[in-house]
Structures are given as structure tokens and as C-alpha cells.
Amino acid sequence: MKDHLSLMSTQDLLLDRQDGAQPLPPTELRLDASAELDSKSSLEVLRLLNAEDRVAVEAVAAVLPQLADLVDLAAERFRRGGAVHYFGAGTSGRLGVLDAAELLPTFNLEPGRVVAHIAGGPAALVNAVEDAEDSEAEGRAAAAGIGPDDIAIGLAASGNTPYVGGALAAARAAGATTALVSSNPDAALAPLADIDLVLATGAEVLTGSTRLKAATAEKLVLNGFSTALMVAVGRTWSNLMVSVVATNDKLRLRTVRILQEATGLEAGAAVGLLASADGELKTSIVAAIAAIDVVDARSLLSRHHGSVRGALAAASA
């Protein structure tokens, strides 16, 4: 397959699958264990779903080396000012949107650094817009503006979604690094990916319902990718969420607890230090541990790209 994606019509695709020219994705096959699904009790159905969910965990474990390569590439691009873009349709697209949205408050991530694109636009988040995934042109349009310092990650359980293919083709043409997360070892879009993450989740308990195991595995991949990326670019310290944005009472209390955990300060002292640092948790941690004022702590953090570990190493040098 060439970098520019040539997609067959739906009729041709169906004919090819009927005569075996293009195999069905594993997610479209029937699972023997669930053949009598509608005859089972609710508890039996739930136990079967739970047992199959474990397959998703193992599928992610098998691709961790490739996922680590993707994290390292993304961290390198991120430090150069690049961005990560997710492209997906349906459940896959919604999971990408969820991951990107949660990074902003958790890691104080600037808008535009991790961006999710879903076929059908915002309306597809709450209502099914299933035909939107068939538009390669919409995918190409969504990827407009991507550059060589960016990472484009396609999310498609089948590995064949035209919207995702259009986006990856456009991103690759722009010089971006591309990746594909699918549950299909024969994904048609694989040639468009520099890193092809194949999650061997197999047939679903409910045939073809990729909101089950395939989606669970994709969510785990996104959790791992984005968390490891934020760790790599200094948005954490130790195992503490030091970049959290305190936008409500729960999070304001959390910042006090994190400062106490990091420094051993009493609650009153932690509250006072945070106030003097304009609520900046990282600045407060560096100031307390290095025994310097908040102005110097803020300067150290700035010189070390916001990394608490880097700032503290410089302070003790």
C-alpha cells in the first residue's frame, strides 16, 4: 500500500471479504465461549465478560516495548514543542477525547499539546455518528496543520477505518511520526504507521462489539502512553501529581496533601507556602526541599523545563 490511502467502495469491500480476499478483523469473529450468551444468567454473562477483560490486559502487556518506543519518540517531539494528535471514530474516538481532556487538569497541560480528533466532530461524543468514520477526506482535513515535530496516533479497533486512514496519510505526508492502535494483525492501515500496536484481543463476547475488550485494551494503552509521556517530560515528581491544577476544593486539598507528602510540612505551613507561591505546587516543593525562596525556586524550575527533579538536582549541585 502506498502512503496515500486508496480505499475501496463499501460494496467492493464486502465482496472482497465474502471471497476471502480481505479477512475479517478478529473482532468481527464469533467467540465460542459466548455462543449461548442469551441463555446465560446475568451472573454468568458478567463472569464471562470479566474473564475476557483479562485478555485485554494481556494484549497490552505484549506491546509494551513498542509502546515505550512511542512514548520516547513523543517525549522527544514534545520537548521540541511538538504535539500529540489522536484520531478515531466511534468508541475509539471517544476514548481519545477522554484521555486528552483529562491531561489538562491532571498535568497542567497547555491546550494544543495533546489533541483528540473524532470523526463527526463534537456531536459524535454523545450521539452515534457512525457514517462519519467512512470519510477519508474528513480525516485528512482533521490532520491539516500537523507538522514534522508532531505525533499522529490512529485509534481503530478494525485497523481499517477510512477517517483514521486519511488522517494518518496526511500526517505522514507532513513528516509527522505516525502510530496505529488496533486489534487487527492484518490492519489495512498498518503501512501508514511508523509504530503499529496490534492488541490481540480476539473475538468479542458480543460479536463485533468493540466497545468491550478492544476498547478496554485501547483505554489501557492510552492510559499508559499519556501517563508515561507526562512522567518523561517532567510533569510528575516521584509518584506525586505535582502538576495538578487546583480548580476545586477537592483538588486544593489534594495540593496541600501532596506538598505535605513531598516535604513533611505540617498542614498550616503547607497552606502558607502554597499561598506565598501563588498556589504553584512545584515551586512550593522546590522551595521547601532546597530551602530557598519561591522566586529562586520558580527560576530553577523554568531553567529545567518544569522538572522538579532537575530543579532540585541543580539546587544541590
C-alpha atoms as a PDB file:
ATOM      1  CA  MET A   1       0.000   0.000   0.000  1.00  0.00           C
ATOM      2  CA  LYS A   2       1.233   3.467  -0.827  1.00  0.00           C
ATOM      3  CA  ASP A   3       1.373   6.263   1.705  1.00  0.00           C
ATOM      4  CA  HIS A   4      -1.676   7.809   0.153  1.00  0.00           C
ATOM      5  CA  LEU A   5      -4.523   5.577   1.068  1.00  0.00           C
ATOM      6  CA  SER A   6      -6.662   4.032  -1.640  1.00  0.00           C
ATOM      7  CA  LEU A   7      -9.922   2.842  -0.128  1.00  0.00           C
ATOM      8  CA  MET A   8     -12.381   0.544  -1.850  1.00  0.00           C
ATOM      9  CA  SER A   9     -16.077   1.270  -2.005  1.00  0.00           C
ATOM     10  CA  THR A  10     -18.226  -0.408   0.629  1.00  0.00           C
ATOM     11  CA  GLN A  11     -19.618  -2.810  -1.984  1.00  0.00           C
ATOM     12  CA  ASP A  12     -16.128  -3.839  -3.128  1.00  0.00           C
ATOM     13  CA  LEU A  13     -15.045  -4.261   0.479  1.00  0.00           C
ATOM     14  CA  LEU A  14     -17.969  -6.567   1.242  1.00  0.00           C
ATOM     15  CA  LEU A  15     -17.328  -8.623  -1.891  1.00  0.00           C
ATOM     16  CA  ASP A  16     -13.640  -8.953  -1.044  1.00  0.00           C
ATOM     17  CA  ARG A  17     -14.499 -10.207   2.429  1.00  0.00           C
ATOM     18  CA  GLN A  18     -17.017 -12.682   1.077  1.00  0.00           C
ATOM     19  CA  ASP A  19     -14.494 -14.282  -1.271  1.00  0.00           C
ATOM     20  CA  GLY A  20     -11.708 -14.215   1.322  1.00  0.00           C
ATOM     21  CA  ALA A  21      -9.517 -11.609  -0.375  1.00  0.00           C
ATOM     22  CA  GLN A  22      -9.656  -9.453   2.750  1.00  0.00           C
ATOM     23  CA  PRO A  23     -10.040 -11.365   6.034  1.00  0.00           C
ATOM     24  CA  LEU A  24     -12.460 -10.181   8.658  1.00  0.00           C
ATOM     25  CA  PRO A  25     -10.828  -8.477  11.643  1.00  0.00           C
ATOM     26  CA  PRO A  26     -10.651 -10.793  14.684  1.00  0.00           C
ATOM     27  CA  THR A  27     -13.126  -8.508  16.441  1.00  0.00           C
ATOM     28  CA  GLU A  28     -15.781  -9.496  13.877  1.00  0.00           C
ATOM     29  CA  LEU A  29     -15.447 -13.231  14.512  1.00  0.00           C
ATOM     30  CA  ARG A  30     -17.643 -15.222  16.900  1.00  0.00           C
ATOM     31  CA  LEU A  31     -16.347 -16.283  20.308  1.00  0.00           C
ATOM     32  CA  ASP A  32     -17.109 -19.939  21.022  1.00  0.00           C
ATOM     33  CA  ALA A  33     -17.334 -19.324  24.763  1.00  0.00           C
ATOM     34  CA  SER A  34     -20.263 -16.944  24.316  1.00  0.00           C
ATOM     35  CA  ALA A  35     -22.207 -18.891  21.695  1.00  0.00           C
ATOM     36  CA  GLU A  36     -25.154 -19.394  24.091  1.00  0.00           C
ATOM     37  CA  LEU A  37     -24.928 -15.903  25.569  1.00  0.00           C
ATOM     38  CA  ASP A  38     -28.669 -15.238  25.627  1.00  0.00           C
ATOM     39  CA  SER A  39     -29.322 -18.435  27.581  1.00  0.00           C
ATOM     40  CA  LYS A  40     -26.986 -17.492  30.443  1.00  0.00           C
ATOM     41  CA  SER A  41     -27.874 -15.872  33.743  1.00  0.00           C
ATOM     42  CA  SER A  42     -26.821 -12.296  34.429  1.00  0.00           C
ATOM     43  CA  LEU A  43     -24.054 -13.528  36.716  1.00  0.00           C
ATOM     44  CA  GLU A  44     -22.799 -15.947  34.066  1.00  0.00           C
ATOM     45  CA  VAL A  45     -22.736 -13.170  31.463  1.00  0.00           C
ATOM     46  CA  LEU A  46     -20.826 -10.890  33.810  1.00  0.00           C
ATOM     47  CA  ARG A  47     -18.322 -13.619  34.695  1.00  0.00           C
ATOM     48  CA  LEU A  48     -17.704 -14.280  31.011  1.00  0.00           C
ATOM     49  CA  LEU A  49     -17.205 -10.568  30.298  1.00  0.00           C
ATOM     50  CA  ASN A  50     -14.828 -10.300  33.265  1.00  0.00           C
ATOM     51  CA  ALA A  51     -12.823 -13.311  32.138  1.00  0.00           C
ATOM     52  CA  GLU A  52     -12.478 -11.872  28.638  1.00  0.00           C
ATOM     53  CA  ASP A  53     -11.447  -8.466  30.034  1.00  0.00           C
ATOM     54  CA  ARG A  54      -8.293 -10.167  31.292  1.00  0.00           C
ATOM     55  CA  VAL A  55      -7.426 -10.907  27.670  1.00  0.00           C
ATOM     56  CA  ALA A  56      -7.297  -7.155  27.102  1.00  0.00           C
ATOM     57  CA  VAL A  57      -4.749  -6.696  29.892  1.00  0.00           C
ATOM     58  CA  GLU A  58      -2.509  -9.402  28.454  1.00  0.00           C
ATOM     59  CA  ALA A  59      -2.844  -7.931  24.968  1.00  0.00           C
ATOM     60  CA  VAL A  60      -1.471  -4.626  26.242  1.00  0.00           C
ATOM     61  CA  ALA A  61       1.390  -6.355  28.086  1.00  0.00           C
ATOM     62  CA  ALA A  62       2.502  -7.893  24.788  1.00  0.00           C
ATOM     63  CA  VAL A  63       3.000  -4.492  23.090  1.00  0.00           C
ATOM     64  CA  LEU A  64       4.702  -2.618  25.932  1.00  0.00           C
ATOM     65  CA  PRO A  65       8.137  -2.468  24.202  1.00  0.00           C
ATOM     66  CA  GLN A  66       6.585  -0.807  21.125  1.00  0.00           C
ATOM     67  CA  LEU A  67       4.500   1.460  23.328  1.00  0.00           C
ATOM     68  CA  ALA A  68       7.668   2.532  25.167  1.00  0.00           C
ATOM     69  CA  ASP A  69       9.255   3.424  21.815  1.00  0.00           C
ATOM     70  CA  LEU A  70       6.227   5.580  21.026  1.00  0.00           C
ATOM     71  CA  VAL A  71       6.438   7.310  24.416  1.00  0.00           C
ATOM     72  CA  ASP A  72      10.133   8.076  23.907  1.00  0.00           C
ATOM     73  CA  LEU A  73       9.533   9.482  20.423  1.00  0.00           C
ATOM     74  CA  ALA A  74       6.624  11.570  21.672  1.00  0.00           C
ATOM     75  CA  ALA A  75       8.673  12.911  24.604  1.00  0.00           C
ATOM     76  CA  GLU A  76      11.448  13.973  22.235  1.00  0.00           C
ATOM     77  CA  ARG A  77       8.959  15.771  19.984  1.00  0.00           C
ATOM     78  CA  PHE A  78       7.157  17.246  22.978  1.00  0.00           C
ATOM     79  CA  ARG A  79      10.339  18.845  24.291  1.00  0.00           C
ATOM     80  CA  ARG A  80      10.795  20.465  20.877  1.00  0.00           C
ATOM     81  CA  GLY A  81       7.352  21.995  21.083  1.00  0.00           C
ATOM     82  CA  GLY A  82       5.521  19.300  19.135  1.00  0.00           C
ATOM     83  CA  ALA A  83       2.087  17.919  19.891  1.00  0.00           C
ATOM     84  CA  VAL A  84       0.336  14.571  20.045  1.00  0.00           C
ATOM     85  CA  HIS A  85      -2.828  14.067  17.991  1.00  0.00           C
ATOM     86  CA  TYR A  86      -5.314  11.210  18.432  1.00  0.00           C
ATOM     87  CA  PHE A  87      -7.621  10.280  15.534  1.00  0.00           C
ATOM     88  CA  GLY A  88     -10.537   7.901  15.944  1.00  0.00           C
ATOM     89  CA  ALA A  89     -14.185   7.204  15.244  1.00  0.00           C
ATOM     90  CA  GLY A  90     -16.949   5.922  17.493  1.00  0.00           C
ATOM     91  CA  THR A  91     -15.781   4.339  20.737  1.00  0.00           C
ATOM     92  CA  SER A  92     -12.129   4.642  19.753  1.00  0.00           C
ATOM     93  CA  GLY A  93     -12.517   8.352  19.083  1.00  0.00           C
ATOM     94  CA  ARG A  94     -14.369   8.931  22.352  1.00  0.00           C
ATOM     95  CA  LEU A  95     -11.609   7.233  24.320  1.00  0.00           C
ATOM     96  CA  GLY A  96      -9.063   9.501  22.664  1.00  0.00           C
ATOM     97  CA  VAL A  97     -11.104  12.575  23.600  1.00  0.00           C
ATOM     98  CA  LEU A  98     -11.419  11.342  27.182  1.00  0.00           C
ATOM     99  CA  ASP A  99      -7.679  10.816  27.527  1.00  0.00           C
ATOM    100  CA  ALA A 100      -6.762  14.207  26.078  1.00  0.00           C
ATOM    101  CA  ALA A 101      -9.336  16.056  28.188  1.00  0.00           C
ATOM    102  CA  GLU A 102      -8.106  14.538  31.441  1.00  0.00           C
ATOM    103  CA  LEU A 103      -4.489  15.539  30.859  1.00  0.00           C
ATOM    104  CA  LEU A 104      -5.164  19.256  31.192  1.00  0.00           C
ATOM    105  CA  PRO A 105      -6.190  19.305  34.884  1.00  0.00           C
ATOM    106  CA  THR A 106      -4.027  16.361  35.917  1.00  0.00           C
ATOM    107  CA  PHE A 107      -0.766  17.629  34.445  1.00  0.00           C
ATOM    108  CA  ASN A 108      -1.424  21.350  33.893  1.00  0.00           C
ATOM    109  CA  LEU A 109      -1.058  20.630  30.203  1.00  0.00           C
ATOM    110  CA  GLU A 110      -1.320  23.576  27.872  1.00  0.00           C
ATOM    111  CA  PRO A 111      -4.138  23.429  25.284  1.00  0.00           C
ATOM    112  CA  GLY A 112      -2.985  22.091  21.953  1.00  0.00           C
ATOM    113  CA  ARG A 113      -0.280  19.758  23.261  1.00  0.00           C
ATOM    114  CA  VAL A 114      -2.390  16.576  23.221  1.00  0.00           C
ATOM    115  CA  VAL A 115      -5.355  16.957  20.878  1.00  0.00           C
ATOM    116  CA  ALA A 116      -8.107  14.443  20.140  1.00  0.00           C
ATOM    117  CA  HIS A 117      -9.971  14.388  16.824  1.00  0.00           C
ATOM    118  CA  ILE A 118     -13.149  12.340  16.446  1.00  0.00           C
ATOM    119  CA  ALA A 119     -14.993  11.567  13.227  1.00  0.00           C
ATOM    120  CA  GLY A 120     -18.212  13.554  13.174  1.00  0.00           C
ATOM    121  CA  GLY A 121     -16.873  16.262  15.490  1.00  0.00           C
ATOM    122  CA  PRO A 122     -18.150  17.133  18.985  1.00  0.00           C
ATOM    123  CA  ALA A 123     -21.652  15.800  18.241  1.00  0.00           C
ATOM    124  CA  ALA A 124     -20.169  12.301  17.985  1.00  0.00           C
ATOM    125  CA  LEU A 125     -19.180  12.396  21.660  1.00  0.00           C
ATOM    126  CA  VAL A 126     -22.740  11.939  22.870  1.00  0.00           C
ATOM    127  CA  ASN A 127     -24.531  10.596  19.806  1.00  0.00           C
ATOM    128  CA  ALA A 128     -23.514   7.910  17.370  1.00  0.00           C
ATOM    129  CA  VAL A 129     -22.437   9.405  14.025  1.00  0.00           C
ATOM    130  CA  GLU A 130     -21.303   6.100  12.601  1.00  0.00           C
ATOM    131  CA  ASP A 131     -21.168   7.111   8.927  1.00  0.00           C
ATOM    132  CA  ALA A 132     -18.576   9.805   9.722  1.00  0.00           C
ATOM    133  CA  GLU A 133     -15.891   7.140  10.005  1.00  0.00           C
ATOM    134  CA  ASP A 134     -16.218   6.402   6.283  1.00  0.00           C
ATOM    135  CA  SER A 135     -14.846   9.803   5.249  1.00  0.00           C
ATOM    136  CA  GLU A 136     -11.173   9.688   4.369  1.00  0.00           C
ATOM    137  CA  ALA A 137     -11.441  13.373   3.385  1.00  0.00           C
ATOM    138  CA  GLU A 138     -12.646  14.328   6.870  1.00  0.00           C
ATOM    139  CA  GLY A 139      -9.651  12.552   8.341  1.00  0.00           C
ATOM    140  CA  ARG A 140      -7.268  14.404   6.063  1.00  0.00           C
ATOM    141  CA  ALA A 141      -8.913  17.701   6.984  1.00  0.00           C
ATOM    142  CA  ALA A 142      -8.610  16.907  10.693  1.00  0.00           C
ATOM    143  CA  ALA A 143      -4.866  16.382  10.266  1.00  0.00           C
ATOM    144  CA  ALA A 144      -4.321  19.683   8.469  1.00  0.00           C
ATOM    145  CA  GLY A 145      -1.697  21.748  10.245  1.00  0.00           C
ATOM    146  CA  ILE A 146       0.222  18.785  11.647  1.00  0.00           C
ATOM    147  CA  GLY A 147       3.974  19.188  11.272  1.00  0.00           C
ATOM    148  CA  PRO A 148       7.170  17.108  11.470  1.00  0.00           C
ATOM    149  CA  ASP A 149       7.538  17.603  15.237  1.00  0.00           C
ATOM    150  CA  ASP A 150       4.113  16.100  15.893  1.00  0.00           C
ATOM    151  CA  ILE A 151       2.902  12.570  16.631  1.00  0.00           C
ATOM    152  CA  ALA A 152      -0.291  11.270  14.976  1.00  0.00           C
ATOM    153  CA  ILE A 153      -1.896   8.235  16.621  1.00  0.00           C
ATOM    154  CA  GLY A 154      -4.716   6.446  14.844  1.00  0.00           C
ATOM    155  CA  LEU A 155      -7.218   4.592  17.024  1.00  0.00           C
ATOM    156  CA  ALA A 156      -9.234   1.953  15.164  1.00  0.00           C
ATOM    157  CA  ALA A 157     -10.136  -1.474  16.523  1.00  0.00           C
ATOM    158  CA  SER A 158     -10.599  -2.836  12.992  1.00  0.00           C
ATOM    159  CA  GLY A 159      -7.474  -1.121  11.686  1.00  0.00           C
ATOM    160  CA  ASN A 160      -9.441  -0.233   8.563  1.00  0.00           C
ATOM    161  CA  THR A 161     -11.325   3.000   9.393  1.00  0.00           C
ATOM    162  CA  PRO A 162     -11.162   5.419   6.405  1.00  0.00           C
ATOM    163  CA  TYR A 163     -11.280   8.533   8.634  1.00  0.00           C
ATOM    164  CA  VAL A 164      -8.223   7.315  10.529  1.00  0.00           C
ATOM    165  CA  GLY A 165      -6.507   6.332   7.298  1.00  0.00           C
ATOM    166  CA  GLY A 166      -6.999   9.786   5.839  1.00  0.00           C
ATOM    167  CA  ALA A 167      -5.580  11.393   8.963  1.00  0.00           C
ATOM    168  CA  LEU A 168      -2.520   9.124   9.098  1.00  0.00           C
ATOM    169  CA  ALA A 169      -1.831   9.574   5.394  1.00  0.00           C
ATOM    170  CA  ALA A 170      -1.960  13.377   5.749  1.00  0.00           C
ATOM    171  CA  ALA A 171       0.184  13.316   8.884  1.00  0.00           C
ATOM    172  CA  ARG A 172       2.807  11.116   7.256  1.00  0.00           C
ATOM    173  CA  ALA A 173       2.895  13.368   4.193  1.00  0.00           C
ATOM    174  CA  ALA A 174       3.597  16.284   6.560  1.00  0.00           C
ATOM    175  CA  GLY A 175       6.566  14.450   8.071  1.00  0.00           C
ATOM    176  CA  ALA A 176       4.926  13.568  11.402  1.00  0.00           C
ATOM    177  CA  THR A 177       5.606  10.317  13.231  1.00  0.00           C
ATOM    178  CA  THR A 178       2.572   8.040  12.954  1.00  0.00           C
ATOM    179  CA  ALA A 179       1.230   5.155  15.014  1.00  0.00           C
ATOM    180  CA  LEU A 180      -1.781   2.870  14.831  1.00  0.00           C
ATOM    181  CA  VAL A 181      -3.567   1.191  17.737  1.00  0.00           C
ATOM    182  CA  SER A 182      -5.807  -1.628  16.510  1.00  0.00           C
ATOM    183  CA  SER A 183      -6.937  -5.160  17.337  1.00  0.00           C
ATOM    184  CA  ASN A 184      -6.231  -6.470  13.845  1.00  0.00           C
ATOM    185  CA  PRO A 185      -2.911  -8.072  12.830  1.00  0.00           C
ATOM    186  CA  ASP A 186      -3.931  -7.589   9.187  1.00  0.00           C
ATOM    187  CA  ALA A 187      -4.943  -3.934   9.525  1.00  0.00           C
ATOM    188  CA  ALA A 188      -5.213  -2.198   6.160  1.00  0.00           C
ATOM    189  CA  LEU A 189      -3.853   0.996   7.734  1.00  0.00           C
ATOM    190  CA  ALA A 190      -0.710  -0.608   9.187  1.00  0.00           C
ATOM    191  CA  PRO A 191       1.554   0.555   6.303  1.00  0.00           C
ATOM    192  CA  LEU A 192       0.732   4.143   7.255  1.00  0.00           C
ATOM    193  CA  ALA A 193       2.101   3.674  10.784  1.00  0.00           C
ATOM    194  CA  ASP A 194       5.716   4.016  11.863  1.00  0.00           C
ATOM    195  CA  ILE A 195       4.705   2.125  15.004  1.00  0.00           C
ATOM    196  CA  ASP A 196       1.954  -0.487  14.667  1.00  0.00           C
ATOM    197  CA  LEU A 197       0.455  -1.512  18.017  1.00  0.00           C
ATOM    198  CA  VAL A 198      -1.617  -4.644  17.495  1.00  0.00           C
ATOM    199  CA  LEU A 199      -3.699  -5.624  20.516  1.00  0.00           C
ATOM    200  CA  ALA A 200      -4.548  -9.324  20.298  1.00  0.00           C
ATOM    201  CA  THR A 201      -7.961  -9.096  21.953  1.00  0.00           C
ATOM    202  CA  GLY A 202      -9.611 -11.513  19.525  1.00  0.00           C
ATOM    203  CA  ALA A 203     -13.338 -12.088  19.172  1.00  0.00           C
ATOM    204  CA  GLU A 204     -15.719 -10.174  21.423  1.00  0.00           C
ATOM    205  CA  VAL A 205     -18.233 -11.735  23.830  1.00  0.00           C
ATOM    206  CA  LEU A 206     -20.903  -9.918  21.826  1.00  0.00           C
ATOM    207  CA  THR A 207     -19.758 -10.424  18.246  1.00  0.00           C
ATOM    208  CA  GLY A 208     -18.422  -7.225  16.690  1.00  0.00           C
ATOM    209  CA  SER A 209     -18.994  -5.063  19.779  1.00  0.00           C
ATOM    210  CA  THR A 210     -15.574  -3.463  20.018  1.00  0.00           C
ATOM    211  CA  ARG A 211     -16.698  -1.287  22.963  1.00  0.00           C
ATOM    212  CA  LEU A 212     -15.801  -4.389  25.012  1.00  0.00           C
ATOM    213  CA  LYS A 213     -12.302  -5.966  25.005  1.00  0.00           C
ATOM    214  CA  ALA A 214     -10.885  -3.946  22.133  1.00  0.00           C
ATOM    215  CA  ALA A 215     -11.931  -0.675  23.771  1.00  0.00           C
ATOM    216  CA  THR A 216     -10.676  -1.806  27.185  1.00  0.00           C
ATOM    217  CA  ALA A 217      -7.266  -2.571  25.706  1.00  0.00           C
ATOM    218  CA  GLU A 218      -7.197   0.754  23.861  1.00  0.00           C
ATOM    219  CA  LYS A 219      -8.056   2.619  27.072  1.00  0.00           C
ATOM    220  CA  LEU A 220      -5.183   0.859  28.842  1.00  0.00           C
ATOM    221  CA  VAL A 221      -2.810   1.807  26.019  1.00  0.00           C
ATOM    222  CA  LEU A 222      -3.901   5.445  26.196  1.00  0.00           C
ATOM    223  CA  ASN A 223      -3.592   5.492  29.998  1.00  0.00           C
ATOM    224  CA  GLY A 224      -0.101   4.059  29.752  1.00  0.00           C
ATOM    225  CA  PHE A 225       1.029   6.217  26.863  1.00  0.00           C
ATOM    226  CA  SER A 226      -0.111   9.570  28.215  1.00  0.00           C
ATOM    227  CA  THR A 227       0.968   8.901  31.800  1.00  0.00           C
ATOM    228  CA  ALA A 228       4.422   7.681  30.773  1.00  0.00           C
ATOM    229  CA  LEU A 229       4.735  10.683  28.440  1.00  0.00           C
ATOM    230  CA  MET A 230       3.910  13.120  31.241  1.00  0.00           C
ATOM    231  CA  VAL A 231       6.438  11.388  33.514  1.00  0.00           C
ATOM    232  CA  ALA A 232       9.089  11.615  30.793  1.00  0.00           C
ATOM    233  CA  VAL A 233       8.591  15.360  30.288  1.00  0.00           C
ATOM    234  CA  GLY A 234       8.739  16.225  33.988  1.00  0.00           C
ATOM    235  CA  ARG A 235       5.065  16.680  34.807  1.00  0.00           C
ATOM    236  CA  THR A 236       5.390  14.420  37.871  1.00  0.00           C
ATOM    237  CA  TRP A 237       7.838  14.059  40.729  1.00  0.00           C
ATOM    238  CA  SER A 238       8.358  10.672  42.339  1.00  0.00           C
ATOM    239  CA  ASN A 239       4.854   9.201  42.137  1.00  0.00           C
ATOM    240  CA  LEU A 240       3.188  12.504  43.006  1.00  0.00           C
ATOM    241  CA  MET A 241       0.847  14.508  40.793  1.00  0.00           C
ATOM    242  CA  VAL A 242       2.801  17.743  41.235  1.00  0.00           C
ATOM    243  CA  SER A 243       1.388  19.452  38.133  1.00  0.00           C
ATOM    244  CA  VAL A 244      -2.265  19.130  39.185  1.00  0.00           C
ATOM    245  CA  VAL A 245      -4.381  22.237  38.638  1.00  0.00           C
ATOM    246  CA  ALA A 246      -6.369  23.054  41.796  1.00  0.00           C
ATOM    247  CA  THR A 247      -9.671  24.148  40.263  1.00  0.00           C
ATOM    248  CA  ASN A 248     -11.994  22.954  43.046  1.00  0.00           C
ATOM    249  CA  ASP A 249     -11.975  22.293  46.796  1.00  0.00           C
ATOM    250  CA  LYS A 250     -11.078  18.624  46.376  1.00  0.00           C
ATOM    251  CA  LEU A 251      -8.035  19.476  44.287  1.00  0.00           C
ATOM    252  CA  ARG A 252      -6.989  22.347  46.553  1.00  0.00           C
ATOM    253  CA  LEU A 253      -6.950  19.914  49.477  1.00  0.00           C
ATOM    254  CA  ARG A 254      -5.019  17.456  47.320  1.00  0.00           C
ATOM    255  CA  THR A 255      -2.298  20.017  46.573  1.00  0.00           C
ATOM    256  CA  VAL A 256      -1.828  20.574  50.315  1.00  0.00           C
ATOM    257  CA  ARG A 257      -1.587  16.818  50.906  1.00  0.00           C
ATOM    258  CA  ILE A 258       0.889  16.384  48.044  1.00  0.00           C
ATOM    259  CA  LEU A 259       3.068  19.186  49.419  1.00  0.00           C
ATOM    260  CA  GLN A 260       2.982  17.565  52.840  1.00  0.00           C
ATOM    261  CA  GLU A 261       3.870  14.161  51.371  1.00  0.00           C
ATOM    262  CA  ALA A 262       6.756  15.647  49.412  1.00  0.00           C
ATOM    263  CA  THR A 263       8.220  17.824  52.149  1.00  0.00           C
ATOM    264  CA  GLY A 264       6.979  16.658  55.551  1.00  0.00           C
ATOM    265  CA  LEU A 265       5.488  20.094  56.293  1.00  0.00           C
ATOM    266  CA  GLU A 266       2.592  20.458  58.685  1.00  0.00           C
ATOM    267  CA  ALA A 267      -0.748  21.397  57.115  1.00  0.00           C
ATOM    268  CA  GLY A 268      -0.620  25.035  58.214  1.00  0.00           C
ATOM    269  CA  ALA A 269       2.896  25.524  56.909  1.00  0.00           C
ATOM    270  CA  ALA A 270       1.993  23.848  53.615  1.00  0.00           C
ATOM    271  CA  VAL A 271      -1.013  26.117  53.147  1.00  0.00           C
ATOM    272  CA  GLY A 272       1.112  29.190  53.874  1.00  0.00           C
ATOM    273  CA  LEU A 273       3.878  28.153  51.479  1.00  0.00           C
ATOM    274  CA  LEU A 274       1.381  27.476  48.689  1.00  0.00           C
ATOM    275  CA  ALA A 275      -0.141  30.904  49.237  1.00  0.00           C
ATOM    276  CA  SER A 276       3.261  32.593  49.001  1.00  0.00           C
ATOM    277  CA  ALA A 277       3.924  30.683  45.762  1.00  0.00           C
ATOM    278  CA  ASP A 278       0.590  31.740  44.227  1.00  0.00           C
ATOM    279  CA  GLY A 279      -0.648  28.180  44.520  1.00  0.00           C
ATOM    280  CA  GLU A 280       2.211  26.712  42.457  1.00  0.00           C
ATOM    281  CA  LEU A 281       2.787  23.244  43.845  1.00  0.00           C
ATOM    282  CA  LYS A 282       6.084  22.558  42.062  1.00  0.00           C
ATOM    283  CA  THR A 283       7.509  25.892  43.189  1.00  0.00           C
ATOM    284  CA  SER A 284       6.469  25.154  46.759  1.00  0.00           C
ATOM    285  CA  ILE A 285       8.096  21.714  46.721  1.00  0.00           C
ATOM    286  CA  VAL A 286      11.406  23.009  45.359  1.00  0.00           C
ATOM    287  CA  ALA A 287      11.414  25.949  47.779  1.00  0.00           C
ATOM    288  CA  ALA A 288      10.776  23.698  50.791  1.00  0.00           C
ATOM    289  CA  ILE A 289      13.208  20.903  49.952  1.00  0.00           C
ATOM    290  CA  ALA A 290      16.009  23.153  48.676  1.00  0.00           C
ATOM    291  CA  ALA A 291      15.401  25.710  51.461  1.00  0.00           C
ATOM    292  CA  ILE A 292      15.252  28.623  49.017  1.00  0.00           C
ATOM    293  CA  ASP A 293      12.661  31.323  48.423  1.00  0.00           C
ATOM    294  CA  VAL A 294       9.840  30.884  45.926  1.00  0.00           C
ATOM    295  CA  VAL A 295      11.373  33.308  43.413  1.00  0.00           C
ATOM    296  CA  ASP A 296      14.560  31.253  43.180  1.00  0.00           C
ATOM    297  CA  ALA A 297      12.570  28.007  43.114  1.00  0.00           C
ATOM    298  CA  ARG A 298      10.458  29.296  40.242  1.00  0.00           C
ATOM    299  CA  SER A 299      13.609  30.324  38.348  1.00  0.00           C
ATOM    300  CA  LEU A 300      15.173  26.892  38.792  1.00  0.00           C
ATOM    301  CA  LEU A 301      12.053  25.203  37.516  1.00  0.00           C
ATOM    302  CA  SER A 302      11.972  27.480  34.491  1.00  0.00           C
ATOM    303  CA  ARG A 303      15.580  26.630  33.628  1.00  0.00           C
ATOM    304  CA  HIS A 304      14.866  22.899  33.900  1.00  0.00           C
ATOM    305  CA  HIS A 305      11.686  22.769  31.804  1.00  0.00           C
ATOM    306  CA  GLY A 306       9.428  22.489  34.842  1.00  0.00           C
ATOM    307  CA  SER A 307      11.109  19.344  36.193  1.00  0.00           C
ATOM    308  CA  VAL A 308      11.141  19.209  39.997  1.00  0.00           C
ATOM    309  CA  ARG A 309      13.851  16.553  39.909  1.00  0.00           C
ATOM    310  CA  GLY A 310      16.008  18.679  37.617  1.00  0.00           C
ATOM    311  CA  ALA A 311      15.492  21.819  39.699  1.00  0.00           C
ATOM    312  CA  LEU A 312      16.371  20.041  42.944  1.00  0.00           C
ATOM    313  CA  ALA A 313      19.482  18.478  41.412  1.00  0.00           C
ATOM    314  CA  ALA A 314      20.631  21.916  40.283  1.00  0.00           C
ATOM    315  CA  ALA A 315      19.920  23.415  43.707  1.00  0.00           C
ATOM    316  CA  SER A 316      22.052  20.802  45.452  1.00  0.00           C
ATOM    317  CA  ALA A 317      24.921  20.935  42.943  1.00  0.00           C
END
